[in-house]
C-alpha atoms as a PDB file:
ATOM      1  CA  MET A   1      92.319 120.154  51.331  1.00  0.00           C
ATOM      2  CA  ALA A   2      88.770 118.874  51.193  1.00  0.00           C
ATOM      3  CA  LEU A   3      86.143 118.521  53.866  1.00  0.00           C
ATOM      4  CA  ALA A   4      85.208 115.084  55.134  1.00  0.00           C
ATOM      5  CA  VAL A   5      82.293 113.759  57.106  1.00  0.00           C
ATOM      6  CA  VAL A   6      83.177 113.137  60.742  1.00  0.00           C
ATOM      7  CA  LYS A   7      81.694 110.002  62.221  1.00  0.00           C
ATOM      8  CA  ASP A   8      81.028 109.370  65.863  1.00  0.00           C
ATOM      9  CA  LEU A   9      83.228 106.424  66.874  1.00  0.00           C
ATOM     10  CA  ARG A  10      80.905 105.463  69.720  1.00  0.00           C
ATOM     11  CA  VAL A  11      78.291 104.374  67.196  1.00  0.00           C
ATOM     12  CA  ALA A  12      80.751 101.961  65.581  1.00  0.00           C
ATOM     13  CA  ARG A  13      81.921 100.519  68.900  1.00  0.00           C
ATOM     14  CA  ALA A  14      80.255  97.297  69.982  1.00  0.00           C
ATOM     15  CA  PRO A  15      78.372  97.422  73.270  1.00  0.00           C
ATOM     16  CA  ALA A  16      80.466  96.517  76.284  1.00  0.00           C
ATOM     17  CA  THR A  17      80.064  92.934  77.439  1.00  0.00           C
ATOM     18  CA  ALA A  18      79.865  91.847  81.067  1.00  0.00           C
ATOM     19  CA  GLU A  19      83.454  90.599  80.770  1.00  0.00           C
ATOM     20  CA  ASP A  20      84.590  94.002  79.460  1.00  0.00           C
ATOM     21  CA  LEU A  21      82.956  95.757  82.398  1.00  0.00           C
ATOM     22  CA  GLU A  22      84.425  93.353  84.947  1.00  0.00           C
ATOM     23  CA  ALA A  23      87.866  93.832  83.395  1.00  0.00           C
ATOM     24  CA  LEU A  24      87.388  97.600  83.581  1.00  0.00           C
ATOM     25  CA  GLU A  25      86.374  97.331  87.236  1.00  0.00           C
ATOM     26  CA  THR A  26      89.536  95.325  87.973  1.00  0.00           C
ATOM     27  CA  ASP A  27      91.692  97.861  86.107  1.00  0.00           C
ATOM     28  CA  VAL A  28      90.020 100.761  87.899  1.00  0.00           C
ATOM     29  CA  LEU A  29      90.574  99.172  91.310  1.00  0.00           C
ATOM     30  CA  ALA A  30      94.233  98.535  90.435  1.00  0.00           C
ATOM     31  CA  GLY A  31      94.551 102.177  89.369  1.00  0.00           C
ATOM     32  CA  PHE A  32      92.956 103.244  92.649  1.00  0.00           C
ATOM     33  CA  VAL A  33      95.552 101.247  94.596  1.00  0.00           C
ATOM     34  CA  LEU A  34      98.403 102.773  92.583  1.00  0.00           C
ATOM     35  CA  ALA A  35      97.044 106.290  93.002  1.00  0.00           C
ATOM     36  CA  ARG A  36      96.722 105.842  96.772  1.00  0.00           C
ATOM     37  CA  ALA A  37     100.282 104.470  96.933  1.00  0.00           C
ATOM     38  CA  ALA A  38     101.520 107.409  94.861  1.00  0.00           C
ATOM     39  CA  ALA A  39      99.821 109.745  97.341  1.00  0.00           C
ATOM     40  CA  GLY A  40     102.022 108.255 100.061  1.00  0.00           C
ATOM     41  CA  LEU A  41      99.445 106.217 101.973  1.00  0.00           C
ATOM     42  CA  SER A  42     100.684 103.181 103.846  1.00  0.00           C
ATOM     43  CA  ASP A  43     100.070  99.678 102.540  1.00  0.00           C
ATOM     44  CA  GLY A  44      97.842  99.011 105.545  1.00  0.00           C
ATOM     45  CA  THR A  45      95.602 101.978 104.779  1.00  0.00           C
ATOM     46  CA  ILE A  46      95.326 101.021 101.120  1.00  0.00           C
ATOM     47  CA  SER A  47      94.610  97.409 102.014  1.00  0.00           C
ATOM     48  CA  SER A  48      91.921  98.534 104.456  1.00  0.00           C
ATOM     49  CA  ASP A  49      90.264 100.687 101.776  1.00  0.00           C
ATOM     50  CA  VAL A  50      90.316  97.825  99.270  1.00  0.00           C
ATOM     51  CA  THR A  51      88.881  95.428 101.854  1.00  0.00           C
ATOM     52  CA  HIS A  52      86.033  97.849 102.574  1.00  0.00           C
ATOM     53  CA  LEU A  53      85.334  98.222  98.848  1.00  0.00           C
ATOM     54  CA  GLU A  54      85.394  94.452  98.309  1.00  0.00           C
ATOM     55  CA  GLN A  55      82.916  93.946 101.155  1.00  0.00           C
ATOM     56  CA  ILE A  56      80.553  96.534  99.696  1.00  0.00           C
ATOM     57  CA  ARG A  57      80.932  94.958  96.240  1.00  0.00           C
ATOM     58  CA  ALA A  58      80.214  91.476  97.609  1.00  0.00           C
ATOM     59  CA  TRP A  59      77.056  92.741  99.315  1.00  0.00           C
ATOM     60  CA  LEU A  60      75.916  94.684  96.243  1.00  0.00           C
ATOM     61  CA  GLY A  61      76.522  91.872  93.772  1.00  0.00           C
ATOM     62  CA  ARG A  62      77.011  94.351  90.935  1.00  0.00           C
ATOM     63  CA  LEU A  63      79.746  96.672  89.728  1.00  0.00           C
ATOM     64  CA  LEU A  64      80.634  99.205  92.404  1.00  0.00           C
ATOM     65  CA  TRP A  65      79.881 102.216  90.226  1.00  0.00           C
ATOM     66  CA  GLU A  66      76.280 100.958  89.988  1.00  0.00           C
ATOM     67  CA  LEU A  67      75.769 101.656  93.709  1.00  0.00           C
ATOM     68  CA  GLU A  68      72.889 104.124  94.080  1.00  0.00           C
ATOM     69  CA  PRO A  69      72.011 106.331  97.069  1.00  0.00           C
ATOM     70  CA  ALA A  70      69.089 103.983  97.875  1.00  0.00           C
ATOM     71  CA  ASP A  71      71.538 101.055  97.989  1.00  0.00           C
ATOM     72  CA  ALA A  72      73.827 103.046 100.283  1.00  0.00           C
ATOM     73  CA  ASP A  73      70.831 103.808 102.535  1.00  0.00           C
ATOM     74  CA  VAL A  74      70.109 100.099 102.908  1.00  0.00           C
ATOM     75  CA  TYR A  75      73.765  99.162 103.338  1.00  0.00           C
ATOM     76  CA  PHE A  76      74.665 101.771 105.948  1.00  0.00           C
ATOM     77  CA  GLY A  77      71.198 101.930 107.543  1.00  0.00           C
ATOM     78  CA  LYS A  78      70.391  98.232 107.827  1.00  0.00           C
ATOM     79  CA  VAL A  79      73.359  96.002 106.999  1.00  0.00           C
ATOM     80  CA  LEU A  80      75.913  97.979 109.028  1.00  0.00           C
ATOM     81  CA  ARG A  81      73.508  99.317 111.629  1.00  0.00           C
ATOM     82  CA  SER A  82      74.896  97.208 114.477  1.00  0.00           C
ATOM     83  CA  THR A  83      78.572  97.561 113.536  1.00  0.00           C
ATOM     84  CA  ALA A  84      80.948  99.931 115.276  1.00  0.00           C
ATOM     85  CA  LYS A  85      80.722 103.591 114.357  1.00  0.00           C
ATOM     86  CA  GLY A  86      84.350 103.611 113.239  1.00  0.00           C
ATOM     87  CA  THR A  87      83.700 100.738 110.838  1.00  0.00           C
ATOM     88  CA  ARG A  88      80.779 102.572 109.222  1.00  0.00           C
ATOM     89  CA  LEU A  89      82.836 105.745 108.951  1.00  0.00           C
ATOM     90  CA  SER A  90      85.836 103.931 107.474  1.00  0.00           C
ATOM     91  CA  ARG A  91      83.709 102.092 104.959  1.00  0.00           C
ATOM     92  CA  ALA A  92      81.866 105.267 103.946  1.00  0.00           C
ATOM     93  CA  GLN A  93      85.148 107.154 103.603  1.00  0.00           C
ATOM     94  CA  ALA A  94      86.679 104.403 101.457  1.00  0.00           C
ATOM     95  CA  LEU A  95      83.586 104.466  99.236  1.00  0.00           C
ATOM     96  CA  LYS A  96      83.633 108.264  98.931  1.00  0.00           C
ATOM     97  CA  THR A  97      87.334 108.247  98.079  1.00  0.00           C
ATOM     98  CA  PHE A  98      86.840 105.526  95.471  1.00  0.00           C
ATOM     99  CA  PHE A  99      83.985 107.434  93.834  1.00  0.00           C
ATOM    100  CA  LEU A 100      86.063 110.609  93.819  1.00  0.00           C
ATOM    101  CA  PHE A 101      88.757 108.625  92.003  1.00  0.00           C
ATOM    102  CA  LEU A 102      86.157 107.304  89.534  1.00  0.00           C
ATOM    103  CA  GLU A 103      84.776 110.781  88.900  1.00  0.00           C
ATOM    104  CA  LEU A 104      88.212 112.280  88.358  1.00  0.00           C
ATOM    105  CA  ARG A 105      89.785 109.581  86.218  1.00  0.00           C
ATOM    106  CA  HIS A 106      87.165 107.252  84.732  1.00  0.00           C
ATOM    107  CA  LYS A 107      83.880 109.155  84.496  1.00  0.00           C
ATOM    108  CA  VAL A 108      84.012 109.560  80.714  1.00  0.00           C
ATOM    109  CA  GLU A 109      85.176 106.009  80.045  1.00  0.00           C
ATOM    110  CA  ILE A 110      82.448 104.499  82.228  1.00  0.00           C
ATOM    111  CA  HIS A 111      79.835 106.717  80.622  1.00  0.00           C
ATOM    112  CA  GLN A 112      80.953 105.714  77.127  1.00  0.00           C
ATOM    113  CA  MET A 113      80.894 102.011  77.990  1.00  0.00           C
ATOM    114  CA  THR A 114      77.708 101.919  80.065  1.00  0.00           C
ATOM    115  CA  GLY A 115      75.776 105.139  79.529  1.00  0.00           C
ATOM    116  CA  ARG A 116      75.922 105.612  83.312  1.00  0.00           C
ATOM    117  CA  VAL A 117      77.141 108.836  84.907  1.00  0.00           C
ATOM    118  CA  VAL A 118      79.297 108.032  87.929  1.00  0.00           C
ATOM    119  CA  GLU A 119      78.102 109.763  91.073  1.00  0.00           C
ATOM    120  CA  CYS A 120      78.935 109.045  94.697  1.00  0.00           C
ATOM    121  CA  PRO A 121      76.026 107.370  96.513  1.00  0.00           C
ATOM    122  CA  ILE A 122      77.067 108.911  99.842  1.00  0.00           C
ATOM    123  CA  ASP A 123      75.421 112.309 100.028  1.00  0.00           C
ATOM    124  CA  GLU A 124      74.391 114.745 102.758  1.00  0.00           C
ATOM    125  CA  MET A 125      71.282 112.705 103.543  1.00  0.00           C
ATOM    126  CA  ASN A 126      72.914 109.309 104.179  1.00  0.00           C
ATOM    127  CA  ARG A 127      76.422 110.267 105.251  1.00  0.00           C
ATOM    128  CA  PRO A 128      77.284 108.451 108.503  1.00  0.00           C
ATOM    129  CA  ARG A 129      77.570 110.743 111.496  1.00  0.00           C
ATOM    130  CA  GLY A 130      80.961 111.464 112.909  1.00  0.00           C
ATOM    131  CA  ARG A 131      84.177 112.622 111.452  1.00  0.00           C
ATOM    132  CA  GLN A 132      87.104 110.618 110.323  1.00  0.00           C
ATOM    133  CA  GLN A 133      89.850 112.295 108.410  1.00  0.00           C
ATOM    134  CA  ALA A 134      92.909 110.599 107.065  1.00  0.00           C
ATOM    135  CA  LYS A 135      95.921 112.062 108.743  1.00  0.00           C
ATOM    136  CA  LEU A 136      99.025 112.525 106.662  1.00  0.00           C
ATOM    137  CA  ARG A 137     102.152 111.779 108.641  1.00  0.00           C
ATOM    138  CA  ILE A 138     105.018 114.010 107.597  1.00  0.00           C
ATOM    139  CA  ALA A 139     108.445 112.867 108.697  1.00  0.00           C
ATOM    140  CA  PRO A 140     110.393 115.363 110.814  1.00  0.00           C
ATOM    141  CA  THR A 141     113.306 117.177 109.239  1.00  0.00           C
ATOM    142  CA  VAL A 142     116.892 116.239 110.052  1.00  0.00           C
ATOM    143  CA  GLU A 143     117.176 119.442 112.086  1.00  0.00           C
ATOM    144  CA  GLN A 144     114.085 118.576 114.164  1.00  0.00           C
ATOM    145  CA  VAL A 145     115.397 115.073 114.874  1.00  0.00           C
ATOM    146  CA  GLY A 146     118.784 116.536 115.861  1.00  0.00           C
ATOM    147  CA  ARG A 147     117.094 118.995 118.228  1.00  0.00           C
ATOM    148  CA  LEU A 148     115.015 116.219 119.792  1.00  0.00           C
ATOM    149  CA  PHE A 149     118.016 114.013 120.532  1.00  0.00           C
ATOM    150  CA  ALA A 150     120.183 116.933 121.669  1.00  0.00           C
ATOM    151  CA  GLY A 151     117.516 117.958 124.190  1.00  0.00           C
ATOM    152  CA  TRP A 152     117.040 114.365 125.265  1.00  0.00           C
ATOM    153  CA  ARG A 153     120.797 113.939 125.701  1.00  0.00           C
ATOM    154  CA  GLN A 154     120.900 116.996 127.993  1.00  0.00           C
ATOM    155  CA  GLU A 155     117.981 115.762 130.079  1.00  0.00           C
ATOM    156  CA  LEU A 156     119.518 112.313 130.490  1.00  0.00           C
ATOM    157  CA  ALA A 157     122.770 113.836 131.742  1.00  0.00           C
ATOM    158  CA  MET A 158     120.888 115.813 134.438  1.00  0.00           C
ATOM    159  CA  CYS A 159     118.555 113.069 135.617  1.00  0.00           C
ATOM    160  CA  ARG A 160     121.325 110.587 136.462  1.00  0.00           C
END
């Protein structure tokens, strides 16, 4: 067995075109939707997150992963200043969740294609005040449902 020279494949790869990056953004957003569905979130929650992301993207006019903390300052500090607190929180949470997804699953790919390191633009300095946490609804067990209806049945018999 002989030694061979190892070449870096990134040098041979052509630079990503605008169409390539837009296609990647579409694929990433589709992956985000699938991941959220796999996590058990409702269609309404996923749709709300995607709507928030699309509104931020439309305002930004660039790829979402190009959003910088200064852009987030302007968006949340000026553009959304008069909107309801819950709207700002929901939009910020959707953005943070999307960037977490990017960092976990697409950080290397985006860096290889663009040279950009993905980092969430919502930090401790510009995070909207308030707390909004997604609540996971866990269905009751068959035993818990049986207990509920058994107790209800007993109460109905006594209140008549």
